[in-house]
Protein backbone atom coordinates (compact mmCIF):
# COMPACT_ATOMS: atom_id res chain seq x y z
CA UNK A 1 128.36 183.24 53.94
CA UNK A 2 125.08 181.48 53.17
CA UNK A 3 123.46 181.22 49.76
CA UNK A 4 120.79 183.69 50.81
CA UNK A 5 123.39 186.29 51.72
CA UNK A 6 125.21 185.77 48.46
CA UNK A 7 122.00 186.15 46.46
CA UNK A 8 121.09 189.21 48.42
CA UNK A 9 124.52 190.77 47.76
CA UNK A 10 124.33 189.97 44.05
CA UNK A 11 120.87 191.52 43.85
CA UNK A 12 122.13 194.68 45.59
CA UNK A 13 125.09 194.85 43.21
CA UNK A 14 122.86 194.38 40.20
CA UNK A 15 120.49 197.07 41.47
CA UNK A 16 123.44 199.39 42.02
CA UNK A 17 124.72 198.78 38.50
CA UNK A 18 121.22 199.32 37.13
CA UNK A 19 120.88 202.59 39.01
CA UNK A 20 124.35 203.64 37.82
CA UNK A 21 123.42 202.78 34.25
CA UNK A 22 120.25 204.80 34.51
CA UNK A 23 122.21 207.71 35.93
CA UNK A 24 124.69 207.55 33.07
CA UNK A 25 121.84 207.49 30.61
CA UNK A 26 120.24 210.38 32.33
CA UNK A 27 123.52 212.28 32.59
CA UNK A 28 124.28 211.85 28.94
CA UNK A 29 120.93 213.17 27.91
CA UNK A 30 120.37 216.00 30.43
CA UNK A 31 123.38 217.01 32.65
CA UNK A 32 127.07 217.65 32.32
CA UNK A 33 129.42 214.74 32.70
CA UNK A 34 131.22 215.89 35.88
CA UNK A 35 128.01 216.35 37.74
CA UNK A 36 126.70 213.10 36.47
CA UNK A 37 129.97 211.36 37.40
CA UNK A 38 129.82 212.78 40.89
CA UNK A 39 126.27 211.79 41.28
CA UNK A 40 127.00 208.39 39.87
CA UNK A 41 129.98 208.00 42.18
CA UNK A 42 127.80 208.91 45.11
CA UNK A 43 125.27 206.38 44.03
CA UNK A 44 127.98 203.75 43.63
CA UNK A 45 129.38 204.52 47.07
CA UNK A 46 125.89 204.28 48.51
CA UNK A 47 125.47 201.03 46.69
CA UNK A 48 128.83 199.78 48.03
CA UNK A 49 127.85 200.85 51.54
CA UNK A 50 124.55 199.09 51.11
CA UNK A 51 126.38 196.06 49.77
CA UNK A 52 128.87 196.12 52.68
CA UNK A 53 126.00 196.44 55.11
CA UNK A 54 124.30 193.61 53.31
CA UNK A 55 127.51 191.53 53.47
CA UNK A 56 127.81 192.35 57.17
CA UNK A 57 124.19 191.40 57.76
CA UNK A 58 124.77 188.28 55.72
CA UNK A 59 127.87 187.41 57.80
CA UNK A 60 125.92 188.07 60.98
CA UNK A 61 123.06 185.94 59.71
CA UNK A 62 125.56 183.28 58.65
CA UNK A 63 127.22 183.33 62.10
CA UNK A 64 123.84 183.14 63.77
CA UNK A 65 122.81 180.32 61.44
CA UNK A 66 126.12 178.53 62.10
CA UNK A 67 125.58 178.94 65.85
CA UNK A 68 122.06 177.60 65.51
CA UNK A 69 123.34 174.74 63.35
CA UNK A 70 126.08 173.97 65.88
CA UNK A 71 123.53 174.09 68.64
CA UNK A 72 121.19 171.87 66.65
CA UNK A 73 124.11 169.54 65.83
CA UNK A 74 125.00 169.38 69.53
CA UNK A 75 121.37 168.68 70.40
CA UNK A 76 121.20 166.11 67.61
CA UNK A 77 124.40 164.44 68.86
CA UNK A 78 123.01 164.44 72.37
CA UNK A 79 119.80 162.94 71.09
CA UNK A 80 121.81 160.42 69.05
CA UNK A 81 123.83 159.53 72.14
CA UNK A 82 120.60 159.12 74.11
CA UNK A 83 119.17 156.99 71.31
CA UNK A 84 122.35 154.88 71.25
CA UNK A 85 122.16 154.53 75.03
CA UNK A 86 118.49 153.56 74.77
CA UNK A 87 119.35 151.06 72.03
CA UNK A 88 122.09 149.62 74.24
CA UNK A 89 119.63 149.39 77.13
CA UNK A 90 117.07 147.85 74.80
CA UNK A 91 119.68 145.32 73.68
CA UNK A 92 120.43 144.52 77.31
CA UNK A 93 116.72 144.20 77.99
CA UNK A 94 116.31 141.93 74.96
CA UNK A 95 119.18 139.78 76.21
CA UNK A 96 117.68 139.69 79.70
CA UNK A 97 114.31 138.81 78.18
CA UNK A 98 115.90 136.01 76.12
CA UNK A 99 117.69 134.76 79.25
CA UNK A 100 114.41 134.86 81.17
CA UNK A 101 112.67 132.98 78.35
CA UNK A 102 115.40 130.33 78.39
CA UNK A 103 115.17 130.18 82.17
CA UNK A 104 111.38 129.86 81.99
CA UNK A 105 111.76 127.14 79.36
CA UNK A 106 114.11 125.21 81.66
CA UNK A 107 111.77 125.79 84.59
CA UNK A 108 108.81 124.60 82.51
CA UNK A 109 110.76 121.46 81.61
CA UNK A 110 111.63 120.92 85.29
CA UNK A 111 108.00 121.51 86.31
CA UNK A 112 106.79 119.04 83.67
CA UNK A 113 109.36 116.52 84.88
CA UNK A 114 108.32 117.06 88.49
CA UNK A 115 104.64 116.75 87.55
CA UNK A 116 105.39 113.47 85.77
CA UNK A 117 107.38 112.26 88.76
CA UNK A 118 104.61 113.35 91.14
CA UNK A 119 102.04 111.51 89.01
CA UNK A 120 104.21 108.37 89.06
CA UNK A 121 104.78 108.67 92.81
CA UNK A 122 101.04 109.23 93.31
CA UNK A 123 100.41 106.05 91.33
CA UNK A 124 103.04 104.21 93.39
CA UNK A 125 101.50 105.54 96.61
CA UNK A 126 98.07 104.35 95.46
CA UNK A 127 99.48 100.92 94.66
CA UNK A 128 101.22 100.84 98.06
CA UNK A 129 97.98 101.93 99.72
CA UNK A 130 96.07 99.12 98.01
CA UNK A 131 98.82 96.65 98.91
CA UNK A 132 98.84 97.96 102.51
CA UNK A 133 95.06 97.64 102.76
CA UNK A 134 95.31 94.07 101.43
CA UNK A 135 98.14 93.33 103.85
CA UNK A 136 96.16 94.81 106.72
CA UNK A 137 93.11 92.76 105.69
CA UNK A 138 95.26 89.63 105.46
CA UNK A 139 96.77 90.43 108.88
CA UNK A 140 93.30 90.94 110.33
CA UNK A 141 92.20 87.63 108.81
CA UNK A 142 95.31 85.95 110.22
CA UNK A 143 94.68 87.53 113.62
CA UNK A 144 91.07 86.38 113.44
CA UNK A 145 92.18 82.87 112.48
CA UNK A 146 94.80 82.95 115.22
CA UNK A 147 92.19 84.03 117.75
CA UNK A 148 89.87 81.29 116.52
CA UNK A 149 92.71 78.76 116.80
CA UNK A 150 93.57 80.06 120.27
CA UNK A 151 89.93 79.83 121.31
CA UNK A 152 89.69 76.34 119.83
CA UNK A 153 92.95 75.39 121.54
CA UNK A 154 91.76 76.82 124.84
CA UNK A 155 88.45 74.97 124.49
CA UNK A 156 90.31 71.78 123.56
CA UNK A 157 92.62 72.20 126.53
CA UNK A 158 89.62 72.75 128.79
CA UNK A 159 87.94 69.66 127.33
CA UNK A 160 91.21 67.73 127.62
CA UNK A 161 91.62 68.74 131.23
CA UNK A 162 87.99 67.78 131.82
CA UNK A 163 88.55 64.43 130.14
CA UNK A 164 91.73 63.91 132.12
CA UNK A 165 89.94 64.64 135.37
CA UNK A 166 87.04 62.43 134.36
CA UNK A 167 89.41 59.72 133.14
CA UNK A 168 91.40 59.94 136.35
CA UNK A 169 88.22 59.57 138.37
CA UNK A 170 87.08 56.68 136.17
CA UNK A 171 90.48 55.00 136.53
CA UNK A 172 90.21 55.33 140.28
CA UNK A 173 86.72 53.88 140.17
CA UNK A 174 87.95 51.02 137.97
CA UNK A 175 90.83 50.38 140.32
CA UNK A 176 88.40 50.27 143.21
CA UNK A 177 86.12 47.96 141.23
CA UNK A 178 89.11 45.79 140.32
CA UNK A 179 90.06 45.53 143.96
CA UNK A 180 86.48 44.63 144.90
CA UNK A 181 86.36 42.15 142.04
CA UNK A 182 89.60 40.57 143.24
CA UNK A 183 88.25 40.31 146.76
CA UNK A 184 85.06 38.67 145.50
CA UNK A 185 87.03 36.26 143.36
CA UNK A 186 89.21 35.25 146.32
CA UNK A 187 86.19 34.84 148.55
CA UNK A 188 84.63 32.45 146.03
CA UNK A 189 87.83 30.48 145.64
CA UNK A 190 88.28 31.68 142.08
CA UNK A 191 91.70 32.34 140.57
CA UNK A 192 92.84 34.92 138.03
CA UNK A 193 94.87 32.30 136.26
CA UNK A 194 91.79 30.53 134.97
CA UNK A 195 91.44 30.92 131.21
CA UNK A 196 88.47 32.85 129.89
CA UNK A 197 85.91 30.88 128.00
CA UNK A 198 85.21 31.75 124.41
CA UNK A 199 81.53 32.17 125.21
CA UNK A 200 82.42 34.92 127.72
CA UNK A 201 84.05 37.11 125.02
CA UNK A 202 82.14 40.15 123.72
CA UNK A 203 84.07 41.70 120.80
CA UNK A 204 82.77 44.84 119.03
CA UNK A 205 80.84 44.26 115.83
CA UNK A 206 83.22 46.52 113.88
CA UNK A 207 86.78 45.55 113.11
CA UNK A 208 88.79 47.78 115.45
CA UNK A 209 92.48 48.12 116.19
CA UNK A 210 94.26 50.42 118.68
CA UNK A 211 97.54 50.95 120.49
CA UNK A 212 98.31 50.60 124.19
CA UNK A 213 99.17 54.07 125.48
CA UNK A 214 99.83 53.47 129.15
CA UNK A 215 99.60 51.23 132.21
CA UNK A 216 98.41 51.76 135.79
CA UNK A 217 99.89 50.40 139.00
CA UNK A 218 96.91 48.07 139.36
CA UNK A 219 97.46 46.42 135.98
CA UNK A 220 94.87 48.37 133.95
CA UNK A 221 95.78 49.46 130.43
CA UNK A 222 94.85 52.63 128.51
CA UNK A 223 94.25 52.31 124.74
CA UNK A 224 93.96 54.86 121.89
CA UNK A 225 90.35 54.14 120.94
CA UNK A 226 86.99 55.11 122.41
CA UNK A 227 83.29 55.48 121.82
CA UNK A 228 83.86 57.53 118.64
CA UNK A 229 85.12 54.29 117.02
CA UNK A 230 82.18 52.21 118.34
CA UNK A 231 83.81 50.86 121.49
CA UNK A 232 81.59 50.37 124.54
CA UNK A 233 81.93 49.22 128.12
CA UNK A 234 81.97 45.42 128.38
CA UNK A 235 83.52 44.81 124.98
CA UNK A 236 86.47 42.44 124.91
CA UNK A 237 89.60 42.99 122.83
CA UNK A 238 92.52 40.73 121.94
CA UNK A 239 95.98 41.99 122.91
CA UNK A 240 99.04 41.17 120.83
CA UNK A 241 102.62 42.27 120.25
CA UNK A 242 103.81 42.88 116.71
CA UNK A 243 107.23 44.36 115.95
CA UNK A 244 110.37 43.54 114.00
CA UNK A 245 111.49 40.85 116.47
CA UNK A 246 108.25 39.60 118.07
CA UNK A 247 104.86 38.41 116.85
CA UNK A 248 102.93 37.20 119.88
CA UNK A 249 99.36 36.87 121.14
CA UNK A 250 99.12 38.18 124.71
CA UNK A 251 95.53 37.54 125.79
CA UNK A 252 92.09 39.11 126.26
CA UNK A 253 91.18 42.42 127.92
CA UNK A 254 87.75 43.80 128.81
CA UNK A 255 86.71 47.44 128.39
CA UNK A 256 85.90 48.96 131.78
CA UNK A 257 85.42 52.67 130.97
CA UNK A 258 85.14 54.54 127.67
CA UNK A 259 85.63 58.17 126.57
CA UNK A 260 85.21 59.44 122.99
CA UNK A 261 88.89 58.90 122.22
CA UNK A 262 90.25 56.55 124.88
CA UNK A 263 89.30 53.48 126.94
CA UNK A 264 90.58 51.70 130.04
CA UNK A 265 90.73 47.91 129.91
CA UNK A 266 91.38 45.12 132.42
CA UNK A 267 93.14 41.86 131.53
CA UNK A 268 90.85 38.81 131.68
CA UNK A 269 92.35 35.49 132.62
CA UNK A 270 95.99 34.58 132.34
CA UNK A 271 98.11 36.60 129.88
CA UNK A 272 100.87 35.03 127.81
CA UNK A 273 103.11 37.96 128.76
CA UNK A 274 102.68 41.31 130.52
CA UNK A 275 101.15 43.98 128.27
CA UNK A 276 103.50 46.89 127.51
CA UNK A 277 103.14 50.37 126.07
CA UNK A 278 103.22 50.05 122.28
CA UNK A 279 101.42 46.70 122.17
CA UNK A 280 98.17 46.57 120.23
CA UNK A 281 94.59 45.44 120.82
CA UNK A 282 92.03 44.43 118.21
CA UNK A 283 88.45 43.22 118.09
CA UNK A 284 89.57 40.01 116.39
CA UNK A 285 92.85 38.45 115.32
CA UNK A 286 93.67 35.48 113.12
CA UNK A 287 90.16 35.61 111.71
CA UNK A 288 88.65 35.01 115.17
């Protein structure tokens, strides 16, 4: 029974007692006691009926209120369960969010590391590009120099072949001239063993010295000196042999043909010994 029902029942009881008291007062002053008692009893019974009805209504109201409270408690529990479930979900979401933040932090660190590495690799690539461009430029310069050397070599070979052909032709001409000269000398009764006079010598003005490079079948010699050193056709040179075992004057030779770097000479008069490859010729020897 609720407090409201109890209060209501007490009020009904008090009203019943008040009515009964009024009836007793009235009965004492105006009616006989038996009639008053009967009337009072009737009033009391009515009051008790009213009180019982009130108690019944109160119990009904209390049952209804209890049912409503139980229903509200069930709804509240359901709501509490839903709230707890939402809190649990929220906790899971918070954990997932924290995990995602940690994951993003790690990813940010990896991205920063990769960006740093990319920057370093970009710098390395730039350095390699500069080095490659320099290497390519150096290679192009080397190729250019190589081509220039090849062209110079080809030109030198062409000039050499030209000089060889010219020299070969000149040697042939000299050989022919030597043969004609020998014929003329024989026809005049001259001999090649006659010594050459000092007045017939014609040494170059400069002090020259060269090496004998080769010999021909006709006795001509080829030396390592030409017009670039001041040698000219008609000059005479003194041949000598100088090595670890021999120091010997061989005789005089006359320049017959000259190229910029070589000359062909013919012995003049009698030689002290045959000239060999490796012997030397000079404009003057022994201060002569």
